């Protein structure tokens, strides 16, 4: 009986066990982006899995600590010995993708803003993943329609490497450019007091709208990190002009109005599809890195009413409204 049973086992699908998956995030568990992609990842995974998490917390840590944190992540990896590792966002990818893959473990990344070819990730035998491409110019163009035209807009980001990469990719490193009829000025700011001053003077400086990007690495005058929630709520409350955003985690009452935004749910779902394929026997190098959905219209009902905006009829069947 042993031989027929062995033959049967060989013919059954590749996955006959609960996979051990380690998710290493660049950021922290309270970060809404991480929460959305983690929930979606878990919801879209097939079969039984055991998922462990490690949060590098790099948005709130001094840059010099990242090497040490990456070593802690590797120590957990060695302890768990997972079947597959998911790396969330650029810092985790840059520090860990090649090292983990070199040890023979498949890696699926998500939230990558940089070009994967420049990092040697395209065609790698053990690595594939999901790209994150914020819709900066298209979003500005669409929100200009909502406002009946915007002559001058401010795109406001923190000074993180991720923010710099997004600006370089979409704006080609230009601080001033035209998007349709809109003149857009992009600023990367690391100091919270300068951020506040820039927001308060927006109308005085001729801006008709602010597009808020990333705001997660700002520090106060003492060099202490300012929480992203504090920055977002203050900016919403004090902006003299309408404030739109590029990511879904910024939308809501007392936050941004919304826009054509990226959502971590799409990243998690697309990454889960890659994980499922690899655990079923596919080789990562046969699964080319791909972008997730190209944005969703997400708006806050409260903020739309506050700024007295009416959404165009042509968007109505595409829109997700939040309170």
C-alpha atoms as a PDB file:
ATOM      1  CA  UNK A   1       0.000   0.000   0.000  1.00  0.00           C
ATOM      2  CA  UNK A   2       2.932   2.326   0.596  1.00  0.00           C
ATOM      3  CA  UNK A   3       3.907   2.678  -3.066  1.00  0.00           C
ATOM      4  CA  UNK A   4       0.409   3.621  -4.389  1.00  0.00           C
ATOM      5  CA  UNK A   5       0.048   6.115  -1.536  1.00  0.00           C
ATOM      6  CA  UNK A   6       3.425   7.666  -2.365  1.00  0.00           C
ATOM      7  CA  UNK A   7       2.449   7.889  -6.040  1.00  0.00           C
ATOM      8  CA  UNK A   8      -0.855   9.546  -5.118  1.00  0.00           C
ATOM      9  CA  UNK A   9       0.930  12.122  -2.979  1.00  0.00           C
ATOM     10  CA  UNK A  10       3.259  12.931  -5.855  1.00  0.00           C
ATOM     11  CA  UNK A  11       0.316  13.564  -8.170  1.00  0.00           C
ATOM     12  CA  UNK A  12      -1.570  15.845  -5.772  1.00  0.00           C
ATOM     13  CA  UNK A  13      -1.193  19.658  -5.955  1.00  0.00           C
ATOM     14  CA  UNK A  14       2.014  21.157  -4.576  1.00  0.00           C
ATOM     15  CA  UNK A  15       0.420  22.616  -1.424  1.00  0.00           C
ATOM     16  CA  UNK A  16      -0.365  19.945   1.144  1.00  0.00           C
ATOM     17  CA  UNK A  17       0.593  21.939   4.228  1.00  0.00           C
ATOM     18  CA  UNK A  18      -0.123  25.205   6.017  1.00  0.00           C
ATOM     19  CA  UNK A  19       2.438  27.609   4.585  1.00  0.00           C
ATOM     20  CA  UNK A  20       4.566  29.692   6.927  1.00  0.00           C
ATOM     21  CA  UNK A  21       4.617  33.273   5.598  1.00  0.00           C
ATOM     22  CA  UNK A  22       6.650  36.125   7.061  1.00  0.00           C
ATOM     23  CA  UNK A  23       5.541  39.667   6.227  1.00  0.00           C
ATOM     24  CA  UNK A  24       8.242  42.290   6.802  1.00  0.00           C
ATOM     25  CA  UNK A  25       6.938  45.838   6.640  1.00  0.00           C
ATOM     26  CA  UNK A  26       8.985  49.001   6.211  1.00  0.00           C
ATOM     27  CA  UNK A  27       6.671  50.862   8.555  1.00  0.00           C
ATOM     28  CA  UNK A  28       4.563  50.362  11.717  1.00  0.00           C
ATOM     29  CA  UNK A  29       1.331  48.520  12.568  1.00  0.00           C
ATOM     30  CA  UNK A  30      -0.659  51.734  13.164  1.00  0.00           C
ATOM     31  CA  UNK A  31       0.097  52.995   9.653  1.00  0.00           C
ATOM     32  CA  UNK A  32      -3.151  52.788   7.661  1.00  0.00           C
ATOM     33  CA  UNK A  33      -1.344  51.762   4.470  1.00  0.00           C
ATOM     34  CA  UNK A  34       0.101  48.722   6.258  1.00  0.00           C
ATOM     35  CA  UNK A  35      -3.250  47.872   7.813  1.00  0.00           C
ATOM     36  CA  UNK A  36      -5.026  47.959   4.452  1.00  0.00           C
ATOM     37  CA  UNK A  37      -2.544  45.841   2.512  1.00  0.00           C
ATOM     38  CA  UNK A  38      -2.132  43.328   5.352  1.00  0.00           C
ATOM     39  CA  UNK A  39      -5.894  42.832   5.675  1.00  0.00           C
ATOM     40  CA  UNK A  40      -6.260  42.416   1.918  1.00  0.00           C
ATOM     41  CA  UNK A  41      -3.280  40.067   1.696  1.00  0.00           C
ATOM     42  CA  UNK A  42      -4.728  37.795   4.341  1.00  0.00           C
ATOM     43  CA  UNK A  43      -8.210  37.908   2.798  1.00  0.00           C
ATOM     44  CA  UNK A  44      -6.962  36.869  -0.649  1.00  0.00           C
ATOM     45  CA  UNK A  45      -4.518  34.120   0.317  1.00  0.00           C
ATOM     46  CA  UNK A  46      -5.628  30.594  -0.589  1.00  0.00           C
ATOM     47  CA  UNK A  47      -5.604  27.653   1.791  1.00  0.00           C
ATOM     48  CA  UNK A  48      -4.379  27.548   5.367  1.00  0.00           C
ATOM     49  CA  UNK A  49      -1.422  29.751   6.224  1.00  0.00           C
ATOM     50  CA  UNK A  50       0.390  30.959   9.304  1.00  0.00           C
ATOM     51  CA  UNK A  51       1.423  34.597   8.955  1.00  0.00           C
ATOM     52  CA  UNK A  52       4.026  36.352  11.117  1.00  0.00           C
ATOM     53  CA  UNK A  53       4.818  40.065  10.984  1.00  0.00           C
ATOM     54  CA  UNK A  54       7.891  42.190  11.544  1.00  0.00           C
ATOM     55  CA  UNK A  55       7.617  45.989  11.437  1.00  0.00           C
ATOM     56  CA  UNK A  56      10.817  47.897  10.671  1.00  0.00           C
ATOM     57  CA  UNK A  57       9.199  51.224  11.658  1.00  0.00           C
ATOM     58  CA  UNK A  58      11.523  53.167   9.351  1.00  0.00           C
ATOM     59  CA  UNK A  59       9.288  56.232   9.022  1.00  0.00           C
ATOM     60  CA  UNK A  60       9.794  57.024  12.713  1.00  0.00           C
ATOM     61  CA  UNK A  61      13.411  55.854  13.095  1.00  0.00           C
ATOM     62  CA  UNK A  62      16.667  57.723  12.395  1.00  0.00           C
ATOM     63  CA  UNK A  63      18.204  56.580   9.116  1.00  0.00           C
ATOM     64  CA  UNK A  64      21.256  55.199  10.895  1.00  0.00           C
ATOM     65  CA  UNK A  65      19.152  52.597  12.698  1.00  0.00           C
ATOM     66  CA  UNK A  66      17.840  50.874   9.559  1.00  0.00           C
ATOM     67  CA  UNK A  67      20.820  48.518   9.177  1.00  0.00           C
ATOM     68  CA  UNK A  68      20.338  47.331  12.754  1.00  0.00           C
ATOM     69  CA  UNK A  69      16.585  46.895  12.261  1.00  0.00           C
ATOM     70  CA  UNK A  70      17.177  44.932   9.048  1.00  0.00           C
ATOM     71  CA  UNK A  71      19.440  42.555  10.976  1.00  0.00           C
ATOM     72  CA  UNK A  72      16.659  42.049  13.539  1.00  0.00           C
ATOM     73  CA  UNK A  73      14.273  41.188  10.698  1.00  0.00           C
ATOM     74  CA  UNK A  74      16.785  38.685   9.336  1.00  0.00           C
ATOM     75  CA  UNK A  75      17.177  37.120  12.777  1.00  0.00           C
ATOM     76  CA  UNK A  76      13.411  36.546  12.934  1.00  0.00           C
ATOM     77  CA  UNK A  77      13.520  35.122   9.411  1.00  0.00           C
ATOM     78  CA  UNK A  78      16.219  32.652  10.474  1.00  0.00           C
ATOM     79  CA  UNK A  79      14.183  31.695  13.528  1.00  0.00           C
ATOM     80  CA  UNK A  80      10.889  31.166  11.680  1.00  0.00           C
ATOM     81  CA  UNK A  81      12.326  29.664   8.464  1.00  0.00           C
ATOM     82  CA  UNK A  82       9.265  30.676   6.411  1.00  0.00           C
ATOM     83  CA  UNK A  83       8.205  29.128   3.122  1.00  0.00           C
ATOM     84  CA  UNK A  84       7.842  32.603   1.618  1.00  0.00           C
ATOM     85  CA  UNK A  85       8.558  36.214   2.623  1.00  0.00           C
ATOM     86  CA  UNK A  86       6.441  39.252   1.714  1.00  0.00           C
ATOM     87  CA  UNK A  87       8.291  42.590   1.822  1.00  0.00           C
ATOM     88  CA  UNK A  88       6.184  45.728   2.163  1.00  0.00           C
ATOM     89  CA  UNK A  89       7.508  48.960   0.628  1.00  0.00           C
ATOM     90  CA  UNK A  90      10.882  50.220  -0.521  1.00  0.00           C
ATOM     91  CA  UNK A  91      12.998  50.137   2.637  1.00  0.00           C
ATOM     92  CA  UNK A  92      12.268  46.490   3.405  1.00  0.00           C
ATOM     93  CA  UNK A  93      12.768  45.608  -0.264  1.00  0.00           C
ATOM     94  CA  UNK A  94      16.087  47.439  -0.567  1.00  0.00           C
ATOM     95  CA  UNK A  95      17.551  46.028   2.632  1.00  0.00           C
ATOM     96  CA  UNK A  96      16.248  42.464   2.541  1.00  0.00           C
ATOM     97  CA  UNK A  97      15.038  41.193  -0.842  1.00  0.00           C
ATOM     98  CA  UNK A  98      18.343  39.988  -2.262  1.00  0.00           C
ATOM     99  CA  UNK A  99      19.659  38.666   1.052  1.00  0.00           C
ATOM    100  CA  UNK A 100      16.578  36.557   1.775  1.00  0.00           C
ATOM    101  CA  UNK A 101      16.339  35.332  -1.817  1.00  0.00           C
ATOM    102  CA  UNK A 102      20.001  34.305  -1.712  1.00  0.00           C
ATOM    103  CA  UNK A 103      19.095  31.919   1.109  1.00  0.00           C
ATOM    104  CA  UNK A 104      16.633  30.157  -1.180  1.00  0.00           C
ATOM    105  CA  UNK A 105      13.333  31.605   0.048  1.00  0.00           C
ATOM    106  CA  UNK A 106      10.862  33.069  -2.472  1.00  0.00           C
ATOM    107  CA  UNK A 107      10.194  36.788  -1.983  1.00  0.00           C
ATOM    108  CA  UNK A 108       7.087  38.727  -3.014  1.00  0.00           C
ATOM    109  CA  UNK A 109       7.353  42.493  -2.615  1.00  0.00           C
ATOM    110  CA  UNK A 110       4.617  45.125  -2.699  1.00  0.00           C
ATOM    111  CA  UNK A 111       4.439  48.908  -2.588  1.00  0.00           C
ATOM    112  CA  UNK A 112       7.644  49.408  -4.577  1.00  0.00           C
ATOM    113  CA  UNK A 113       8.041  52.960  -5.872  1.00  0.00           C
ATOM    114  CA  UNK A 114      11.494  52.508  -7.368  1.00  0.00           C
ATOM    115  CA  UNK A 115      12.237  50.871 -10.719  1.00  0.00           C
ATOM    116  CA  UNK A 116      12.696  47.128 -10.047  1.00  0.00           C
ATOM    117  CA  UNK A 117      15.104  46.805 -12.982  1.00  0.00           C
ATOM    118  CA  UNK A 118      17.527  49.189 -11.292  1.00  0.00           C
ATOM    119  CA  UNK A 119      17.463  46.917  -8.233  1.00  0.00           C
ATOM    120  CA  UNK A 120      18.038  43.669 -10.138  1.00  0.00           C
ATOM    121  CA  UNK A 121      14.579  42.340  -9.292  1.00  0.00           C
ATOM    122  CA  UNK A 122      13.144  41.766 -12.782  1.00  0.00           C
ATOM    123  CA  UNK A 123      13.748  38.173 -13.850  1.00  0.00           C
ATOM    124  CA  UNK A 124      15.290  37.233 -10.499  1.00  0.00           C
ATOM    125  CA  UNK A 125      14.742  33.490  -9.931  1.00  0.00           C
ATOM    126  CA  UNK A 126      13.352  33.998  -6.422  1.00  0.00           C
ATOM    127  CA  UNK A 127      11.771  37.475  -6.459  1.00  0.00           C
ATOM    128  CA  UNK A 128       8.662  39.107  -7.920  1.00  0.00           C
ATOM    129  CA  UNK A 129       6.128  41.624  -6.693  1.00  0.00           C
ATOM    130  CA  UNK A 130       3.746  44.542  -7.035  1.00  0.00           C
ATOM    131  CA  UNK A 131       4.670  48.087  -8.046  1.00  0.00           C
ATOM    132  CA  UNK A 132       3.177  51.244  -6.546  1.00  0.00           C
ATOM    133  CA  UNK A 133       2.692  54.086  -8.991  1.00  0.00           C
ATOM    134  CA  UNK A 134       0.881  57.115  -7.505  1.00  0.00           C
ATOM    135  CA  UNK A 135      -1.203  59.061 -10.017  1.00  0.00           C
ATOM    136  CA  UNK A 136       0.121  62.515  -9.268  1.00  0.00           C
ATOM    137  CA  UNK A 137      -0.463  64.274 -12.579  1.00  0.00           C
ATOM    138  CA  UNK A 138      -3.698  62.478 -13.493  1.00  0.00           C
ATOM    139  CA  UNK A 139      -5.154  63.156 -10.036  1.00  0.00           C
ATOM    140  CA  UNK A 140      -4.338  66.864 -10.275  1.00  0.00           C
ATOM    141  CA  UNK A 141      -5.957  67.000 -13.701  1.00  0.00           C
ATOM    142  CA  UNK A 142      -9.117  65.234 -12.468  1.00  0.00           C
ATOM    143  CA  UNK A 143      -9.482  67.425  -9.361  1.00  0.00           C
ATOM    144  CA  UNK A 144      -9.034  70.501 -11.508  1.00  0.00           C
ATOM    145  CA  UNK A 145     -12.208  69.392 -13.302  1.00  0.00           C
ATOM    146  CA  UNK A 146     -13.967  69.064  -9.942  1.00  0.00           C
ATOM    147  CA  UNK A 147     -13.027  72.648  -9.019  1.00  0.00           C
ATOM    148  CA  UNK A 148     -13.855  74.101 -12.425  1.00  0.00           C
ATOM    149  CA  UNK A 149     -10.173  74.708 -13.095  1.00  0.00           C
ATOM    150  CA  UNK A 150      -7.085  75.203 -10.928  1.00  0.00           C
ATOM    151  CA  UNK A 151      -4.535  77.782 -12.043  1.00  0.00           C
ATOM    152  CA  UNK A 152      -1.901  77.011  -9.407  1.00  0.00           C
ATOM    153  CA  UNK A 153      -1.587  74.044  -7.031  1.00  0.00           C
ATOM    154  CA  UNK A 154       0.859  72.933  -4.347  1.00  0.00           C
ATOM    155  CA  UNK A 155       1.958  69.281  -4.101  1.00  0.00           C
ATOM    156  CA  UNK A 156       3.251  68.848  -0.558  1.00  0.00           C
ATOM    157  CA  UNK A 157       5.411  65.905   0.589  1.00  0.00           C
ATOM    158  CA  UNK A 158       7.717  65.072   3.447  1.00  0.00           C
ATOM    159  CA  UNK A 159      11.427  64.724   2.639  1.00  0.00           C
ATOM    160  CA  UNK A 160      11.613  60.919   2.789  1.00  0.00           C
ATOM    161  CA  UNK A 161      13.319  58.846   0.100  1.00  0.00           C
ATOM    162  CA  UNK A 162       9.928  57.406  -0.858  1.00  0.00           C
ATOM    163  CA  UNK A 163       8.526  60.911  -1.421  1.00  0.00           C
ATOM    164  CA  UNK A 164      11.589  61.855  -3.466  1.00  0.00           C
ATOM    165  CA  UNK A 165      11.180  58.717  -5.600  1.00  0.00           C
ATOM    166  CA  UNK A 166       7.504  59.497  -6.244  1.00  0.00           C
ATOM    167  CA  UNK A 167       8.347  63.045  -7.321  1.00  0.00           C
ATOM    168  CA  UNK A 168      11.198  61.861  -9.542  1.00  0.00           C
ATOM    169  CA  UNK A 169       9.070  59.196 -11.205  1.00  0.00           C
ATOM    170  CA  UNK A 170       6.009  61.317 -11.920  1.00  0.00           C
ATOM    171  CA  UNK A 171       7.365  64.883 -12.079  1.00  0.00           C
ATOM    172  CA  UNK A 172      10.830  64.000 -13.474  1.00  0.00           C
ATOM    173  CA  UNK A 173      12.399  65.907 -10.538  1.00  0.00           C
ATOM    174  CA  UNK A 174      10.821  69.196 -11.642  1.00  0.00           C
ATOM    175  CA  UNK A 175       9.669  71.397  -8.774  1.00  0.00           C
ATOM    176  CA  UNK A 176       7.528  73.465 -11.153  1.00  0.00           C
ATOM    177  CA  UNK A 177       5.613  72.022 -14.075  1.00  0.00           C
ATOM    178  CA  UNK A 178       2.330  72.287 -15.902  1.00  0.00           C
ATOM    179  CA  UNK A 179      -0.424  69.685 -15.693  1.00  0.00           C
ATOM    180  CA  UNK A 180      -2.949  70.812 -18.294  1.00  0.00           C
ATOM    181  CA  UNK A 181      -3.821  74.379 -17.361  1.00  0.00           C
ATOM    182  CA  UNK A 182      -2.532  73.964 -13.804  1.00  0.00           C
ATOM    183  CA  UNK A 183       0.875  75.188 -12.699  1.00  0.00           C
ATOM    184  CA  UNK A 184       2.064  72.756 -10.031  1.00  0.00           C
ATOM    185  CA  UNK A 185       4.770  73.483  -7.483  1.00  0.00           C
ATOM    186  CA  UNK A 186       6.087  70.449  -5.568  1.00  0.00           C
ATOM    187  CA  UNK A 187       7.833  70.832  -2.234  1.00  0.00           C
ATOM    188  CA  UNK A 188       9.568  68.240  -0.047  1.00  0.00           C
ATOM    189  CA  UNK A 189       9.673  69.404   3.569  1.00  0.00           C
ATOM    190  CA  UNK A 190      11.174  67.663   6.590  1.00  0.00           C
ATOM    191  CA  UNK A 191      10.480  70.272   9.282  1.00  0.00           C
ATOM    192  CA  UNK A 192       6.979  70.468  10.756  1.00  0.00           C
ATOM    193  CA  UNK A 193       7.095  74.192  11.480  1.00  0.00           C
ATOM    194  CA  UNK A 194       8.049  74.911   7.858  1.00  0.00           C
ATOM    195  CA  UNK A 195       5.249  72.585   6.724  1.00  0.00           C
ATOM    196  CA  UNK A 196       2.767  74.555   8.838  1.00  0.00           C
ATOM    197  CA  UNK A 197       4.032  77.874   7.526  1.00  0.00           C
ATOM    198  CA  UNK A 198       3.757  76.645   3.940  1.00  0.00           C
ATOM    199  CA  UNK A 199       0.164  75.508   4.458  1.00  0.00           C
ATOM    200  CA  UNK A 200      -0.925  78.704   6.200  1.00  0.00           C
ATOM    201  CA  UNK A 201       0.524  80.860   3.412  1.00  0.00           C
ATOM    202  CA  UNK A 202      -0.872  78.755   0.557  1.00  0.00           C
ATOM    203  CA  UNK A 203      -3.609  81.163  -0.531  1.00  0.00           C
ATOM    204  CA  UNK A 204      -1.353  84.181  -0.036  1.00  0.00           C
ATOM    205  CA  UNK A 205       1.178  82.546  -2.376  1.00  0.00           C
ATOM    206  CA  UNK A 206      -1.422  82.073  -5.084  1.00  0.00           C
ATOM    207  CA  UNK A 207      -2.305  78.392  -4.613  1.00  0.00           C
ATOM    208  CA  UNK A 208      -5.916  77.392  -5.186  1.00  0.00           C
ATOM    209  CA  UNK A 209      -5.518  73.805  -3.899  1.00  0.00           C
ATOM    210  CA  UNK A 210      -3.103  71.648  -1.938  1.00  0.00           C
ATOM    211  CA  UNK A 211      -2.376  68.043  -2.902  1.00  0.00           C
ATOM    212  CA  UNK A 212      -0.968  66.275   0.118  1.00  0.00           C
ATOM    213  CA  UNK A 213       1.364  63.374  -0.525  1.00  0.00           C
ATOM    214  CA  UNK A 214       3.414  61.741   2.215  1.00  0.00           C
ATOM    215  CA  UNK A 215       3.712  63.474   5.595  1.00  0.00           C
ATOM    216  CA  UNK A 216       5.015  60.699   7.811  1.00  0.00           C
ATOM    217  CA  UNK A 217       8.634  61.656   8.526  1.00  0.00           C
ATOM    218  CA  UNK A 218       8.241  65.258   9.704  1.00  0.00           C
ATOM    219  CA  UNK A 219      10.104  66.333  12.854  1.00  0.00           C
ATOM    220  CA  UNK A 220       9.492  69.219  15.244  1.00  0.00           C
ATOM    221  CA  UNK A 221      11.989  71.879  16.339  1.00  0.00           C
ATOM    222  CA  UNK A 222      13.472  69.445  18.866  1.00  0.00           C
ATOM    223  CA  UNK A 223      14.022  66.822  16.173  1.00  0.00           C
ATOM    224  CA  UNK A 224      11.212  64.615  17.491  1.00  0.00           C
ATOM    225  CA  UNK A 225       8.971  62.760  15.047  1.00  0.00           C
ATOM    226  CA  UNK A 226       5.480  64.262  14.611  1.00  0.00           C
ATOM    227  CA  UNK A 227       2.768  61.631  14.177  1.00  0.00           C
ATOM    228  CA  UNK A 228       1.187  61.406  10.753  1.00  0.00           C
ATOM    229  CA  UNK A 229      -2.286  61.754  12.262  1.00  0.00           C
ATOM    230  CA  UNK A 230      -1.313  65.047  13.902  1.00  0.00           C
ATOM    231  CA  UNK A 231       0.095  66.383  10.634  1.00  0.00           C
ATOM    232  CA  UNK A 232      -2.930  65.313   8.594  1.00  0.00           C
ATOM    233  CA  UNK A 233      -5.549  66.674  10.985  1.00  0.00           C
ATOM    234  CA  UNK A 234      -3.721  69.969  11.508  1.00  0.00           C
ATOM    235  CA  UNK A 235      -3.268  70.458   7.767  1.00  0.00           C
ATOM    236  CA  UNK A 236      -6.937  69.764   7.073  1.00  0.00           C
ATOM    237  CA  UNK A 237      -8.080  72.134   9.801  1.00  0.00           C
ATOM    238  CA  UNK A 238      -5.774  75.007   8.842  1.00  0.00           C
ATOM    239  CA  UNK A 239      -5.484  74.830   5.067  1.00  0.00           C
ATOM    240  CA  UNK A 240      -7.015  77.988   3.555  1.00  0.00           C
ATOM    241  CA  UNK A 241      -7.647  76.127   0.285  1.00  0.00           C
ATOM    242  CA  UNK A 242      -9.169  72.709  -0.553  1.00  0.00           C
ATOM    243  CA  UNK A 243      -6.861  69.795   0.269  1.00  0.00           C
ATOM    244  CA  UNK A 244      -6.804  66.683  -1.899  1.00  0.00           C
ATOM    245  CA  UNK A 245      -4.525  63.642  -1.593  1.00  0.00           C
ATOM    246  CA  UNK A 246      -2.793  60.865  -3.513  1.00  0.00           C
ATOM    247  CA  UNK A 247      -3.312  57.903  -1.126  1.00  0.00           C
ATOM    248  CA  UNK A 248      -6.563  56.516   0.287  1.00  0.00           C
ATOM    249  CA  UNK A 249      -5.299  56.534   3.886  1.00  0.00           C
ATOM    250  CA  UNK A 250      -5.508  60.357   3.876  1.00  0.00           C
ATOM    251  CA  UNK A 251      -9.228  60.563   2.978  1.00  0.00           C
ATOM    252  CA  UNK A 252     -11.863  61.258   5.606  1.00  0.00           C
ATOM    253  CA  UNK A 253     -13.685  63.719   7.841  1.00  0.00           C
ATOM    254  CA  UNK A 254     -11.155  66.127   9.320  1.00  0.00           C
ATOM    255  CA  UNK A 255      -8.616  64.874   6.792  1.00  0.00           C
ATOM    256  CA  UNK A 256      -8.352  65.232   2.994  1.00  0.00           C
ATOM    257  CA  UNK A 257     -11.266  65.628   0.590  1.00  0.00           C
ATOM    258  CA  UNK A 258     -10.063  62.701  -1.499  1.00  0.00           C
ATOM    259  CA  UNK A 259      -9.118  62.246  -5.125  1.00  0.00           C
ATOM    260  CA  UNK A 260      -8.041  59.611  -7.599  1.00  0.00           C
ATOM    261  CA  UNK A 261      -5.974  57.703  -5.059  1.00  0.00           C
ATOM    262  CA  UNK A 262      -4.018  54.524  -4.458  1.00  0.00           C
ATOM    263  CA  UNK A 263      -5.283  52.041  -1.879  1.00  0.00           C
ATOM    264  CA  UNK A 264      -3.207  49.445  -0.044  1.00  0.00           C
ATOM    265  CA  UNK A 265      -6.005  46.910  -0.538  1.00  0.00           C
ATOM    266  CA  UNK A 266      -5.095  46.630  -4.207  1.00  0.00           C
ATOM    267  CA  UNK A 267      -1.449  46.040  -3.347  1.00  0.00           C
ATOM    268  CA  UNK A 268      -2.350  43.284  -0.879  1.00  0.00           C
ATOM    269  CA  UNK A 269      -4.735  41.554  -3.283  1.00  0.00           C
ATOM    270  CA  UNK A 270      -2.245  41.570  -6.152  1.00  0.00           C
ATOM    271  CA  UNK A 271       0.561  40.334  -3.882  1.00  0.00           C
ATOM    272  CA  UNK A 272      -1.673  37.528  -2.573  1.00  0.00           C
ATOM    273  CA  UNK A 273      -2.220  36.350  -6.134  1.00  0.00           C
ATOM    274  CA  UNK A 274       1.535  36.060  -6.610  1.00  0.00           C
ATOM    275  CA  UNK A 275       1.958  34.273  -3.274  1.00  0.00           C
ATOM    276  CA  UNK A 276      -0.784  31.778  -4.153  1.00  0.00           C
ATOM    277  CA  UNK A 277       0.841  31.026  -7.502  1.00  0.00           C
ATOM    278  CA  UNK A 278       4.295  30.500  -5.967  1.00  0.00           C
ATOM    279  CA  UNK A 279       2.999  28.252  -3.176  1.00  0.00           C
ATOM    280  CA  UNK A 280       1.179  26.242  -5.849  1.00  0.00           C
ATOM    281  CA  UNK A 281       4.480  25.619  -7.602  1.00  0.00           C
ATOM    282  CA  UNK A 282       5.119  28.581  -9.931  1.00  0.00           C
ATOM    283  CA  UNK A 283       8.639  30.000 -10.090  1.00  0.00           C
ATOM    284  CA  UNK A 284       8.864  33.727  -9.212  1.00  0.00           C
ATOM    285  CA  UNK A 285      10.824  34.544 -12.370  1.00  0.00           C
ATOM    286  CA  UNK A 286       7.854  33.384 -14.465  1.00  0.00           C
ATOM    287  CA  UNK A 287       5.651  35.976 -12.710  1.00  0.00           C
ATOM    288  CA  UNK A 288       6.793  39.412 -13.845  1.00  0.00           C
ATOM    289  CA  UNK A 289       6.423  42.338 -11.399  1.00  0.00           C
ATOM    290  CA  UNK A 290       3.230  44.213 -12.157  1.00  0.00           C
ATOM    291  CA  UNK A 291       1.398  47.357 -11.026  1.00  0.00           C
ATOM    292  CA  UNK A 292      -1.811  47.133  -9.008  1.00  0.00           C
ATOM    293  CA  UNK A 293      -5.022  48.944  -9.994  1.00  0.00           C
ATOM    294  CA  UNK A 294      -4.489  52.397 -11.399  1.00  0.00           C
ATOM    295  CA  UNK A 295      -6.331  54.345  -8.732  1.00  0.00           C
ATOM    296  CA  UNK A 296      -9.823  54.738  -7.301  1.00  0.00           C
ATOM    297  CA  UNK A 297     -12.077  57.747  -6.815  1.00  0.00           C
ATOM    298  CA  UNK A 298     -12.449  57.966  -3.032  1.00  0.00           C
ATOM    299  CA  UNK A 299     -13.951  61.006  -1.304  1.00  0.00           C
ATOM    300  CA  UNK A 300     -15.096  62.125   2.133  1.00  0.00           C
ATOM    301  CA  UNK A 301     -18.771  63.133   2.290  1.00  0.00           C
ATOM    302  CA  UNK A 302     -17.993  65.536   5.125  1.00  0.00           C
ATOM    303  CA  UNK A 303     -15.129  67.266   3.345  1.00  0.00           C
ATOM    304  CA  UNK A 304     -17.044  67.518   0.061  1.00  0.00           C
ATOM    305  CA  UNK A 305     -19.877  69.279   1.920  1.00  0.00           C
ATOM    306  CA  UNK A 306     -17.458  71.475   3.869  1.00  0.00           C
ATOM    307  CA  UNK A 307     -15.895  72.782   0.657  1.00  0.00           C
ATOM    308  CA  UNK A 308     -19.237  72.772  -1.210  1.00  0.00           C
ATOM    309  CA  UNK A 309     -18.131  70.490  -4.022  1.00  0.00           C
ATOM    310  CA  UNK A 310     -20.473  68.458  -6.220  1.00  0.00           C
ATOM    311  CA  UNK A 311     -19.003  65.394  -7.881  1.00  0.00           C
ATOM    312  CA  UNK A 312     -19.316  65.195 -11.694  1.00  0.00           C
ATOM    313  CA  UNK A 313     -22.004  62.822 -12.948  1.00  0.00           C
ATOM    314  CA  UNK A 314     -19.468  60.941 -15.072  1.00  0.00           C
ATOM    315  CA  UNK A 315     -17.666  59.746 -11.898  1.00  0.00           C
ATOM    316  CA  UNK A 316     -20.731  58.668  -9.924  1.00  0.00           C
ATOM    317  CA  UNK A 317     -20.623  54.956 -10.733  1.00  0.00           C
ATOM    318  CA  UNK A 318     -16.893  54.819  -9.962  1.00  0.00           C
ATOM    319  CA  UNK A 319     -16.814  56.586  -6.590  1.00  0.00           C
ATOM    320  CA  UNK A 320     -16.377  55.241  -3.065  1.00  0.00           C
ATOM    321  CA  UNK A 321     -17.702  57.705  -0.467  1.00  0.00           C
ATOM    322  CA  UNK A 322     -16.568  57.782   3.140  1.00  0.00           C
ATOM    323  CA  UNK A 323     -18.199  59.600   6.024  1.00  0.00           C
END
